[in-house]
C-alpha atoms as a PDB file:
ATOM      1  CA  MET A   1       0.000   0.000   0.000  1.00  0.00           C
ATOM      2  CA  VAL A   2       2.839   2.401   0.827  1.00  0.00           C
ATOM      3  CA  LEU A   3       4.375   1.924  -2.622  1.00  0.00           C
ATOM      4  CA  ASN A   4       1.008   2.594  -4.271  1.00  0.00           C
ATOM      5  CA  ILE A   5       0.646   5.820  -2.302  1.00  0.00           C
ATOM      6  CA  ILE A   6       4.159   6.981  -3.234  1.00  0.00           C
ATOM      7  CA  LEU A   7       3.601   6.257  -6.932  1.00  0.00           C
ATOM      8  CA  LEU A   8       0.231   8.023  -6.963  1.00  0.00           C
ATOM      9  CA  VAL A   9       1.557  11.136  -5.244  1.00  0.00           C
ATOM     10  CA  ILE A  10       4.813  11.441  -7.203  1.00  0.00           C
ATOM     11  CA  SER A  11       3.232  10.839 -10.624  1.00  0.00           C
ATOM     12  CA  THR A  12       0.392  13.290  -9.995  1.00  0.00           C
ATOM     13  CA  ILE A  13       2.593  16.075  -8.643  1.00  0.00           C
ATOM     14  CA  GLY A  14       5.202  15.479 -11.357  1.00  0.00           C
ATOM     15  CA  ALA A  15       2.607  15.723 -14.129  1.00  0.00           C
ATOM     16  CA  GLY A  16       1.102  18.841 -12.601  1.00  0.00           C
ATOM     17  CA  LEU A  17       4.468  20.566 -12.319  1.00  0.00           C
ATOM     18  CA  GLY A  18       5.092  19.634 -15.937  1.00  0.00           C
ATOM     19  CA  TYR A  19       2.636  22.381 -16.858  1.00  0.00           C
ATOM     20  CA  PHE A  20       5.373  24.940 -16.228  1.00  0.00           C
ATOM     21  CA  LEU A  21       7.610  23.195 -18.763  1.00  0.00           C
ATOM     22  CA  ILE A  22       5.072  22.535 -21.542  1.00  0.00           C
ATOM     23  CA  ARG A  23       3.455  25.642 -22.945  1.00  0.00           C
ATOM     24  CA  ASN A  24       1.365  24.071 -25.675  1.00  0.00           C
ATOM     25  CA  PRO A  25      -0.825  21.393 -24.061  1.00  0.00           C
ATOM     26  CA  GLN A  26      -3.117  21.268 -27.089  1.00  0.00           C
ATOM     27  CA  GLN A  27      -0.449  19.782 -29.340  1.00  0.00           C
ATOM     28  CA  SER A  28      -1.205  16.435 -30.955  1.00  0.00           C
ATOM     29  CA  SER A  29       1.284  14.516 -28.813  1.00  0.00           C
ATOM     30  CA  PHE A  30      -0.570  15.558 -25.637  1.00  0.00           C
ATOM     31  CA  LYS A  31      -3.875  14.454 -27.150  1.00  0.00           C
ATOM     32  CA  SER A  32      -2.322  11.150 -28.193  1.00  0.00           C
ATOM     33  CA  VAL A  33      -1.299  10.542 -24.576  1.00  0.00           C
ATOM     34  CA  LEU A  34      -4.910  11.191 -23.542  1.00  0.00           C
ATOM     35  CA  VAL A  35      -6.160   8.657 -26.088  1.00  0.00           C
ATOM     36  CA  TYR A  36      -3.630   6.086 -24.875  1.00  0.00           C
ATOM     37  CA  ALA A  37      -4.699   6.643 -21.259  1.00  0.00           C
ATOM     38  CA  GLY A  38      -8.381   6.437 -22.197  1.00  0.00           C
ATOM     39  CA  ALA A  39      -7.885   3.217 -24.150  1.00  0.00           C
ATOM     40  CA  TYR A  40      -5.969   1.630 -21.271  1.00  0.00           C
ATOM     41  CA  LEU A  41      -8.563   2.727 -18.706  1.00  0.00           C
ATOM     42  CA  PHE A  42     -11.427   1.428 -20.851  1.00  0.00           C
ATOM     43  CA  SER A  43      -9.635  -1.873 -21.453  1.00  0.00           C
ATOM     44  CA  ILE A  44      -8.856  -2.657 -17.809  1.00  0.00           C
ATOM     45  CA  THR A  45     -12.459  -1.815 -16.933  1.00  0.00           C
ATOM     46  CA  ILE A  46     -13.705  -4.316 -19.521  1.00  0.00           C
ATOM     47  CA  ILE A  47     -11.178  -7.132 -18.967  1.00  0.00           C
ATOM     48  CA  HIS A  48     -10.401  -6.714 -15.262  1.00  0.00           C
ATOM     49  CA  ILE A  49     -12.890  -4.725 -13.176  1.00  0.00           C
ATOM     50  CA  LEU A  50     -16.194  -5.833 -14.716  1.00  0.00           C
ATOM     51  CA  PRO A  51     -15.411  -9.560 -15.039  1.00  0.00           C
ATOM     52  CA  GLU A  52     -14.231  -9.665 -11.437  1.00  0.00           C
ATOM     53  CA  LEU A  53     -17.275  -7.793 -10.159  1.00  0.00           C
ATOM     54  CA  PHE A  54     -19.814  -9.942 -11.983  1.00  0.00           C
ATOM     55  CA  SER A  55     -18.028 -13.245 -11.308  1.00  0.00           C
ATOM     56  CA  GLU A  56     -18.108 -12.583  -7.561  1.00  0.00           C
ATOM     57  CA  SER A  57     -21.660 -11.225  -7.399  1.00  0.00           C
ATOM     58  CA  ASP A  58     -24.871 -13.157  -6.870  1.00  0.00           C
ATOM     59  CA  THR A  59     -26.930 -10.063  -7.760  1.00  0.00           C
ATOM     60  CA  PRO A  60     -25.677  -8.986 -11.216  1.00  0.00           C
ATOM     61  CA  TYR A  61     -28.785  -6.868 -11.862  1.00  0.00           C
ATOM     62  CA  GLU A  62     -28.127  -4.725  -8.780  1.00  0.00           C
ATOM     63  CA  LEU A  63     -24.479  -4.469  -9.774  1.00  0.00           C
ATOM     64  CA  GLY A  64     -25.532  -3.136 -13.163  1.00  0.00           C
ATOM     65  CA  ILE A  65     -27.613  -0.458 -11.452  1.00  0.00           C
ATOM     66  CA  TRP A  66     -24.583   0.678  -9.438  1.00  0.00           C
ATOM     67  CA  LEU A  67     -22.467   0.748 -12.598  1.00  0.00           C
ATOM     68  CA  LEU A  68     -25.035   3.050 -14.163  1.00  0.00           C
ATOM     69  CA  ALA A  69     -25.014   5.153 -10.999  1.00  0.00           C
ATOM     70  CA  GLY A  70     -21.229   5.537 -11.258  1.00  0.00           C
ATOM     71  CA  PHE A  71     -21.471   6.417 -14.936  1.00  0.00           C
ATOM     72  CA  PHE A  72     -24.011   9.182 -14.380  1.00  0.00           C
ATOM     73  CA  LEU A  73     -22.375  10.377 -11.151  1.00  0.00           C
ATOM     74  CA  GLN A  74     -19.290  11.073 -13.233  1.00  0.00           C
ATOM     75  CA  HIS A  75     -21.475  12.851 -15.781  1.00  0.00           C
ATOM     76  CA  ILE A  76     -22.767  15.115 -13.004  1.00  0.00           C
ATOM     77  CA  LEU A  77     -19.271  15.740 -11.629  1.00  0.00           C
ATOM     78  CA  GLU A  78     -18.135  16.860 -15.069  1.00  0.00           C
ATOM     79  CA  TYR A  79     -20.650  19.693 -14.968  1.00  0.00           C
ATOM     80  CA  PHE A  80     -18.385  21.147 -12.288  1.00  0.00           C
ATOM     81  CA  THR A  81     -14.965  19.978 -13.498  1.00  0.00           C
ATOM     82  CA  SER A  82     -15.524  20.899 -17.175  1.00  0.00           C
ATOM     83  CA  GLY A  83     -13.762  17.686 -18.166  1.00  0.00           C
ATOM     84  CA  VAL A  84     -10.479  18.230 -16.314  1.00  0.00           C
ATOM     85  CA  GLU A  85     -10.434  14.460 -15.630  1.00  0.00           C
ATOM     86  CA  HIS A  86      -9.627  13.870 -19.282  1.00  0.00           C
ATOM     87  CA  GLY A  87      -7.271  16.756 -19.881  1.00  0.00           C
ATOM     88  CA  HIS A  88      -9.629  19.616 -20.709  1.00  0.00           C
ATOM     89  CA  ILE A  89      -8.192  23.038 -19.937  1.00  0.00           C
ATOM     90  CA  HIS A  90     -10.694  25.848 -19.399  1.00  0.00           C
ATOM     91  CA  SER A  91     -10.331  29.256 -17.798  1.00  0.00           C
ATOM     92  CA  HIS A  92     -12.202  29.767 -14.520  1.00  0.00           C
ATOM     93  CA  ASN A  93     -12.242  33.409 -13.546  1.00  0.00           C
ATOM     94  CA  HIS A  94     -14.734  33.110 -10.689  1.00  0.00           C
ATOM     95  CA  SER A  95     -13.670  31.614  -7.370  1.00  0.00           C
ATOM     96  CA  SER A  96     -16.852  29.524  -7.055  1.00  0.00           C
ATOM     97  CA  SER A  97     -16.292  27.698 -10.354  1.00  0.00           C
ATOM     98  CA  ALA A  98     -12.571  27.182  -9.721  1.00  0.00           C
ATOM     99  CA  TYR A  99     -13.168  25.729  -6.266  1.00  0.00           C
ATOM    100  CA  LEU A 100     -15.989  23.522  -7.572  1.00  0.00           C
ATOM    101  CA  VAL A 101     -13.500  22.029 -10.041  1.00  0.00           C
ATOM    102  CA  VAL A 102     -11.192  21.121  -7.159  1.00  0.00           C
ATOM    103  CA  ILE A 103     -13.992  19.714  -4.970  1.00  0.00           C
ATOM    104  CA  ALA A 104     -15.460  17.596  -7.773  1.00  0.00           C
ATOM    105  CA  LEU A 105     -12.018  16.300  -8.769  1.00  0.00           C
ATOM    106  CA  CYS A 106     -11.259  15.381  -5.161  1.00  0.00           C
ATOM    107  CA  ILE A 107     -14.530  13.437  -4.839  1.00  0.00           C
ATOM    108  CA  HIS A 108     -13.656  11.474  -7.970  1.00  0.00           C
ATOM    109  CA  ALA A 109     -10.087  10.864  -6.797  1.00  0.00           C
ATOM    110  CA  LEU A 110     -11.297   9.582  -3.410  1.00  0.00           C
ATOM    111  CA  LEU A 111     -13.581   7.081  -5.122  1.00  0.00           C
ATOM    112  CA  GLU A 112     -10.981   5.774  -7.564  1.00  0.00           C
ATOM    113  CA  GLY A 113      -8.423   5.373  -4.777  1.00  0.00           C
ATOM    114  CA  SER A 114     -10.782   2.907  -3.091  1.00  0.00           C
ATOM    115  CA  LEU A 115     -10.203   0.429  -5.933  1.00  0.00           C
ATOM    116  CA  LEU A 116      -6.615  -0.070  -4.781  1.00  0.00           C
ATOM    117  CA  SER A 117      -7.602  -1.095  -1.254  1.00  0.00           C
ATOM    118  CA  HIS A 118      -8.982  -4.460  -2.299  1.00  0.00           C
ATOM    119  CA  PRO A 119      -6.639  -7.238  -3.527  1.00  0.00           C
ATOM    120  CA  SER A 120      -8.278  -9.049  -6.389  1.00  0.00           C
ATOM    121  CA  SER A 121      -9.270 -12.589  -5.567  1.00  0.00           C
ATOM    122  CA  SER A 122      -9.073 -13.611  -9.214  1.00  0.00           C
ATOM    123  CA  HIS A 123      -5.835 -11.718  -9.923  1.00  0.00           C
ATOM    124  CA  ALA A 124      -3.998 -12.401  -6.698  1.00  0.00           C
ATOM    125  CA  GLN A 125      -0.525 -12.554  -8.229  1.00  0.00           C
ATOM    126  CA  HIS A 126      -0.348  -8.887  -9.127  1.00  0.00           C
ATOM    127  CA  GLU A 127      -3.302  -7.617  -7.066  1.00  0.00           C
ATOM    128  CA  SER A 128      -4.156  -4.086  -8.250  1.00  0.00           C
ATOM    129  CA  GLU A 129      -1.102  -3.137 -10.311  1.00  0.00           C
ATOM    130  CA  THR A 130      -3.037  -2.945 -13.570  1.00  0.00           C
ATOM    131  CA  ILE A 131      -5.625  -0.675 -11.965  1.00  0.00           C
ATOM    132  CA  LEU A 132      -2.903   1.405 -10.312  1.00  0.00           C
ATOM    133  CA  PHE A 133      -1.255   2.015 -13.691  1.00  0.00           C
ATOM    134  CA  GLY A 134      -4.618   3.000 -15.177  1.00  0.00           C
ATOM    135  CA  ILE A 135      -5.335   5.456 -12.354  1.00  0.00           C
ATOM    136  CA  ILE A 136      -1.869   6.995 -12.745  1.00  0.00           C
ATOM    137  CA  LEU A 137      -2.354   7.368 -16.503  1.00  0.00           C
ATOM    138  CA  HIS A 138      -5.702   9.008 -15.845  1.00  0.00           C
ATOM    139  CA  LYS A 139      -4.528  11.320 -13.050  1.00  0.00           C
ATOM    140  CA  MET A 140      -1.475  12.690 -14.866  1.00  0.00           C
ATOM    141  CA  PRO A 141      -3.324  14.628 -17.616  1.00  0.00           C
ATOM    142  CA  ALA A 142      -5.940  15.616 -15.024  1.00  0.00           C
ATOM    143  CA  ALA A 143      -3.198  17.083 -12.812  1.00  0.00           C
ATOM    144  CA  PHE A 144      -1.713  18.908 -15.809  1.00  0.00           C
ATOM    145  CA  ALA A 145      -5.085  20.438 -16.739  1.00  0.00           C
ATOM    146  CA  LEU A 146      -5.810  21.300 -13.103  1.00  0.00           C
ATOM    147  CA  MET A 147      -2.545  23.234 -12.833  1.00  0.00           C
ATOM    148  CA  ALA A 148      -3.371  25.178 -15.993  1.00  0.00           C
ATOM    149  CA  ILE A 149      -6.701  26.215 -14.488  1.00  0.00           C
ATOM    150  CA  MET A 150      -5.336  27.003 -11.036  1.00  0.00           C
ATOM    151  CA  ASN A 151      -2.367  28.928 -12.411  1.00  0.00           C
ATOM    152  CA  ASP A 152      -4.744  31.045 -14.470  1.00  0.00           C
ATOM    153  CA  PHE A 153      -7.008  31.632 -11.467  1.00  0.00           C
ATOM    154  CA  PHE A 154      -4.565  32.193  -8.600  1.00  0.00           C
ATOM    155  CA  LYS A 155      -1.781  33.949 -10.522  1.00  0.00           C
ATOM    156  CA  SER A 156       0.526  32.366  -7.939  1.00  0.00           C
ATOM    157  CA  LYS A 157       2.594  29.245  -8.437  1.00  0.00           C
ATOM    158  CA  MET A 158       2.648  28.401  -4.736  1.00  0.00           C
ATOM    159  CA  SER A 159      -1.160  28.524  -4.394  1.00  0.00           C
ATOM    160  CA  SER A 160      -1.527  26.336  -7.486  1.00  0.00           C
ATOM    161  CA  ILE A 161       1.009  23.851  -6.154  1.00  0.00           C
ATOM    162  CA  ILE A 162      -0.844  23.606  -2.820  1.00  0.00           C
ATOM    163  CA  VAL A 163      -4.037  22.709  -4.708  1.00  0.00           C
ATOM    164  CA  LEU A 164      -2.055  20.166  -6.745  1.00  0.00           C
ATOM    165  CA  ILE A 165      -0.720  18.526  -3.568  1.00  0.00           C
ATOM    166  CA  VAL A 166      -4.254  18.301  -2.128  1.00  0.00           C
ATOM    167  CA  PHE A 167      -5.457  16.648  -5.340  1.00  0.00           C
ATOM    168  CA  ALA A 168      -2.467  14.277  -5.366  1.00  0.00           C
ATOM    169  CA  LEU A 169      -3.328  13.110  -1.830  1.00  0.00           C
ATOM    170  CA  MET A 170      -6.990  12.370  -2.518  1.00  0.00           C
ATOM    171  CA  SER A 171      -6.583   8.924  -4.116  1.00  0.00           C
ATOM    172  CA  PRO A 172      -4.176   7.753  -1.371  1.00  0.00           C
ATOM    173  CA  ILE A 173      -6.662   9.020   1.229  1.00  0.00           C
ATOM    174  CA  GLY A 174      -9.423   7.057  -0.529  1.00  0.00           C
ATOM    175  CA  LEU A 175      -7.198   3.980  -0.456  1.00  0.00           C
ATOM    176  CA  VAL A 176      -6.484   4.343   3.276  1.00  0.00           C
ATOM    177  CA  LEU A 177     -10.065   5.206   4.261  1.00  0.00           C
ATOM    178  CA  THR A 178     -11.485   2.168   2.472  1.00  0.00           C
ATOM    179  CA  ASN A 179      -9.174  -0.037   4.532  1.00  0.00           C
ATOM    180  CA  PHE A 180     -10.719   1.338   7.720  1.00  0.00           C
ATOM    181  CA  ILE A 181     -14.359   1.543   6.621  1.00  0.00           C
ATOM    182  CA  THR A 182     -16.323  -1.560   7.538  1.00  0.00           C
ATOM    183  CA  LEU A 183     -18.229  -2.743   4.487  1.00  0.00           C
ATOM    184  CA  ASP A 184     -19.547  -6.203   3.718  1.00  0.00           C
ATOM    185  CA  ASP A 185     -18.645  -7.901   0.442  1.00  0.00           C
ATOM    186  CA  LYS A 186     -21.756  -6.549  -1.284  1.00  0.00           C
ATOM    187  CA  GLY A 187     -20.991  -2.996  -0.172  1.00  0.00           C
ATOM    188  CA  ILE A 188     -17.451  -3.299  -1.527  1.00  0.00           C
ATOM    189  CA  GLN A 189     -18.807  -4.576  -4.840  1.00  0.00           C
ATOM    190  CA  TYR A 190     -21.233  -1.674  -5.122  1.00  0.00           C
ATOM    191  CA  LEU A 191     -18.482   0.832  -4.353  1.00  0.00           C
ATOM    192  CA  PHE A 192     -16.217  -0.662  -7.006  1.00  0.00           C
ATOM    193  CA  ALA A 193     -19.106  -0.758  -9.486  1.00  0.00           C
ATOM    194  CA  ILE A 194     -19.558   3.003  -9.017  1.00  0.00           C
ATOM    195  CA  VAL A 195     -15.873   3.558  -9.771  1.00  0.00           C
ATOM    196  CA  GLY A 196     -16.030   1.184 -12.749  1.00  0.00           C
ATOM    197  CA  GLY A 197     -18.968   3.166 -14.124  1.00  0.00           C
ATOM    198  CA  SER A 198     -17.037   6.413 -13.768  1.00  0.00           C
ATOM    199  CA  PHE A 199     -14.066   4.872 -15.609  1.00  0.00           C
ATOM    200  CA  LEU A 200     -16.366   3.906 -18.475  1.00  0.00           C
ATOM    201  CA  HIS A 201     -17.670   7.467 -18.678  1.00  0.00           C
ATOM    202  CA  ILE A 202     -14.211   9.060 -18.650  1.00  0.00           C
ATOM    203  CA  SER A 203     -12.664   6.684 -21.181  1.00  0.00           C
ATOM    204  CA  THR A 204     -15.561   6.772 -23.660  1.00  0.00           C
ATOM    205  CA  THR A 205     -15.685  10.569 -23.407  1.00  0.00           C
ATOM    206  CA  ILE A 206     -11.995  10.695 -24.344  1.00  0.00           C
ATOM    207  CA  PHE A 207     -12.733   8.550 -27.411  1.00  0.00           C
ATOM    208  CA  VAL A 208     -15.607  10.777 -28.546  1.00  0.00           C
ATOM    209  CA  GLU A 209     -13.773  14.053 -27.980  1.00  0.00           C
ATOM    210  CA  SER A 210     -10.410  12.958 -29.392  1.00  0.00           C
ATOM    211  CA  ASN A 211     -11.661  13.257 -32.972  1.00  0.00           C
ATOM    212  CA  PRO A 212     -14.760  15.491 -33.097  1.00  0.00           C
ATOM    213  CA  GLY A 213     -14.521  16.030 -36.838  1.00  0.00           C
ATOM    214  CA  HIS A 214     -14.120  12.307 -37.596  1.00  0.00           C
ATOM    215  CA  GLN A 215     -10.901  13.058 -39.451  1.00  0.00           C
ATOM    216  CA  ARG A 216      -8.233  10.461 -40.122  1.00  0.00           C
ATOM    217  CA  ASP A 217      -5.621  10.672 -37.379  1.00  0.00           C
ATOM    218  CA  PHE A 218      -3.291   7.701 -37.429  1.00  0.00           C
ATOM    219  CA  LYS A 219      -1.340   8.970 -34.407  1.00  0.00           C
ATOM    220  CA  LYS A 220      -4.417   8.736 -32.230  1.00  0.00           C
ATOM    221  CA  LEU A 221      -5.412   5.419 -33.781  1.00  0.00           C
ATOM    222  CA  ILE A 222      -2.000   3.973 -32.940  1.00  0.00           C
ATOM    223  CA  ALA A 223      -2.227   5.417 -29.420  1.00  0.00           C
ATOM    224  CA  LEU A 224      -5.627   3.777 -28.987  1.00  0.00           C
ATOM    225  CA  PHE A 225      -4.416   0.332 -30.030  1.00  0.00           C
ATOM    226  CA  LEU A 226      -1.274   0.671 -27.916  1.00  0.00           C
ATOM    227  CA  GLY A 227      -3.462   1.449 -24.889  1.00  0.00           C
ATOM    228  CA  VAL A 228      -5.586  -1.640 -25.500  1.00  0.00           C
ATOM    229  CA  LEU A 229      -2.565  -3.883 -26.098  1.00  0.00           C
ATOM    230  CA  SER A 230      -0.816  -2.532 -22.997  1.00  0.00           C
ATOM    231  CA  ALA A 231      -3.826  -3.390 -20.841  1.00  0.00           C
ATOM    232  CA  ILE A 232      -4.029  -6.913 -22.266  1.00  0.00           C
ATOM    233  CA  LEU A 233      -0.288  -7.464 -21.841  1.00  0.00           C
ATOM    234  CA  VAL A 234      -0.144  -6.144 -18.268  1.00  0.00           C
ATOM    235  CA  GLU A 235      -3.234  -8.134 -17.296  1.00  0.00           C
ATOM    236  CA  SER A 236      -1.841 -11.369 -18.709  1.00  0.00           C
ATOM    237  CA  LEU A 237       1.505 -11.158 -16.912  1.00  0.00           C
END
């Protein structure tokens, strides 16, 4: 667990600080990274999270309801985050909207961190490493976009960095809290179904928004297939 926390914090803060080094986040290479991350996140949800959830559940219908709840909860959160979870960078000039972005992102990060608290019974050899890698891939562009927004709002690097640190700690806090919260097996399954639903929303949104004009973009197509292949390879090890 300690290693997971260190990796989550370092990767998130490192990606956020990278904003000060990269001045053109809309370049195609950045978008290709988003597509890769989205493809990986979608793939581990399909081949890891969902099969495990449904194989261990005796109430698949109820599990499906909680998946839908997670999907639409993420849809609601994105009304406040403006899509920062998948690398969107928007200016927020009013304090209320900027703080809502941070609050909504922290709620999402707390939930996704809970996935790492539960060793997989059907993937015991590597426990949650595949999910950890997916969360890191997802949090890095989110941290980058968050820093762009906060830097524009605060006009102070130190204030932006403090917000980044808070965001970086949210998933580890979710991981730790879930270890201390007493939930039965069904409650754990429902919680993970909510997170799985949110992953489906984020990843499919990345796919839709990566090529709004339906133009041929072989870079993004390659990134997509690499994300899928990476998930399959990591899961099969």
